[in-house]
Amino acid sequence: SVSRGLVSMMAKYLLRVCMPARDWPRVTDVLASIENARTLSHTVNICFPERPDLAVVETVMILECEPRYALEVRKELSRRTRGTIGFYAIYRIRKP
């Protein structure tokens, strides 16, 4: 966790994770463990009724953290999404 003395060093990031339902369990624990995060939306879109495993699950979050922590989140999501057709994007939206 980030100490109180470093609060002014925090930046805001927008995180979007989009994956098929069959791969969603690969990232759920990572998303649940992100500190100082607020979920803006969580949607499930069924594109092919005959293939519910290909439903698109998407979460959009706002993170307030140090750049170093955002890098850790990136690395873990990269590891977890590798080999899937899912993706994530993380953008800085406010500098410290």
Protein backbone atom coordinates (compact mmCIF):
# COMPACT_ATOMS: atom_id res chain seq x y z
CA SER A 1 0.00 0.00 0.00
CA VAL A 2 1.00 3.61 -0.50
CA SER A 3 2.01 5.56 2.59
CA ARG A 4 0.24 8.82 3.42
CA GLY A 5 3.39 10.85 2.73
CA LEU A 6 3.28 9.85 -0.93
CA VAL A 7 -0.33 10.79 -1.62
CA SER A 8 0.77 13.90 -3.52
CA MET A 9 2.85 11.67 -5.84
CA MET A 10 -0.24 9.77 -6.99
CA ALA A 11 -1.59 10.02 -10.50
CA LYS A 12 -4.98 9.03 -11.91
CA TYR A 13 -5.22 6.23 -14.46
CA LEU A 14 -8.06 4.85 -16.55
CA LEU A 15 -7.96 1.05 -16.81
CA ARG A 16 -10.07 -0.91 -19.30
CA VAL A 17 -10.04 -4.71 -19.39
CA CYS A 18 -12.00 -6.56 -22.08
CA MET A 19 -12.00 -10.36 -22.40
CA PRO A 20 -14.19 -13.28 -23.42
CA ALA A 21 -16.19 -14.76 -20.54
CA ARG A 22 -14.22 -18.02 -20.73
CA ASP A 23 -10.98 -16.15 -19.88
CA TRP A 24 -12.43 -13.66 -17.36
CA PRO A 25 -11.44 -15.75 -14.29
CA ARG A 26 -7.79 -15.16 -15.26
CA VAL A 27 -8.07 -11.48 -14.26
CA THR A 28 -10.81 -11.27 -11.61
CA ASP A 29 -8.51 -11.63 -8.61
CA VAL A 30 -6.08 -9.06 -10.02
CA LEU A 31 -8.86 -6.53 -10.56
CA ALA A 32 -10.28 -7.18 -7.08
CA SER A 33 -6.88 -6.62 -5.47
CA ILE A 34 -6.09 -3.26 -7.10
CA GLU A 35 -5.74 -0.60 -4.39
CA ASN A 36 -7.35 2.85 -4.59
CA ALA A 37 -9.57 1.85 -7.51
CA ARG A 38 -13.15 2.71 -8.36
CA THR A 39 -15.15 0.73 -10.92
CA LEU A 40 -16.93 2.96 -13.44
CA SER A 41 -18.62 0.19 -15.41
CA HIS A 42 -18.81 -3.57 -15.71
CA THR A 43 -20.68 -4.96 -18.71
CA VAL A 44 -21.29 -8.32 -20.33
CA ASN A 45 -22.29 -8.35 -24.01
CA ILE A 46 -23.50 -11.57 -25.59
CA CYS A 47 -22.38 -11.44 -29.22
CA PHE A 48 -23.15 -15.04 -30.17
CA PRO A 49 -26.09 -16.62 -28.28
CA GLU A 50 -24.92 -20.09 -29.28
CA ARG A 51 -21.45 -19.42 -27.77
CA PRO A 52 -21.89 -17.93 -24.27
CA ASP A 53 -18.18 -18.56 -23.58
CA LEU A 54 -17.42 -15.82 -26.13
CA ALA A 55 -19.55 -13.19 -24.38
CA VAL A 56 -17.51 -10.01 -23.98
CA VAL A 57 -16.85 -8.98 -20.37
CA GLU A 58 -15.56 -5.44 -19.90
CA THR A 59 -14.58 -3.47 -16.81
CA VAL A 60 -13.52 0.17 -16.70
CA MET A 61 -11.85 1.50 -13.55
CA ILE A 62 -10.20 4.66 -12.25
CA LEU A 63 -7.00 4.09 -10.27
CA GLU A 64 -5.21 6.59 -8.06
CA CYS A 65 -1.68 5.36 -7.55
CA GLU A 66 2.01 5.95 -8.02
CA PRO A 67 3.38 5.33 -11.53
CA ARG A 68 5.37 2.40 -10.14
CA TYR A 69 2.18 0.69 -8.92
CA ALA A 70 0.50 1.27 -12.32
CA LEU A 71 3.49 -0.47 -13.91
CA GLU A 72 3.02 -3.46 -11.58
CA VAL A 73 -0.65 -3.65 -12.60
CA ARG A 74 0.37 -3.52 -16.28
CA LYS A 75 2.89 -6.31 -15.85
CA GLU A 76 0.43 -8.57 -14.04
CA LEU A 77 -2.36 -7.95 -16.56
CA SER A 78 0.09 -8.61 -19.41
CA ARG A 79 0.97 -11.93 -17.85
CA ARG A 80 -2.67 -12.86 -17.24
CA THR A 81 -3.99 -11.85 -20.69
CA ARG A 82 -1.18 -13.51 -22.65
CA GLY A 83 -2.56 -16.28 -24.85
CA THR A 84 -6.11 -14.90 -24.86
CA ILE A 85 -8.01 -12.72 -27.30
CA GLY A 86 -8.66 -10.29 -24.45
CA PHE A 87 -6.88 -7.00 -23.91
CA TYR A 88 -6.34 -4.24 -21.41
CA ALA A 89 -5.43 -0.58 -21.72
CA ILE A 90 -4.21 1.74 -19.00
CA TYR A 91 -3.87 5.48 -19.56
CA ARG A 92 -2.66 8.23 -17.28
CA ILE A 93 -5.39 10.85 -17.08
CA ARG A 94 -3.87 13.19 -14.50
CA LYS A 95 -0.24 13.76 -13.63
CA PRO A 96 0.85 14.10 -10.00
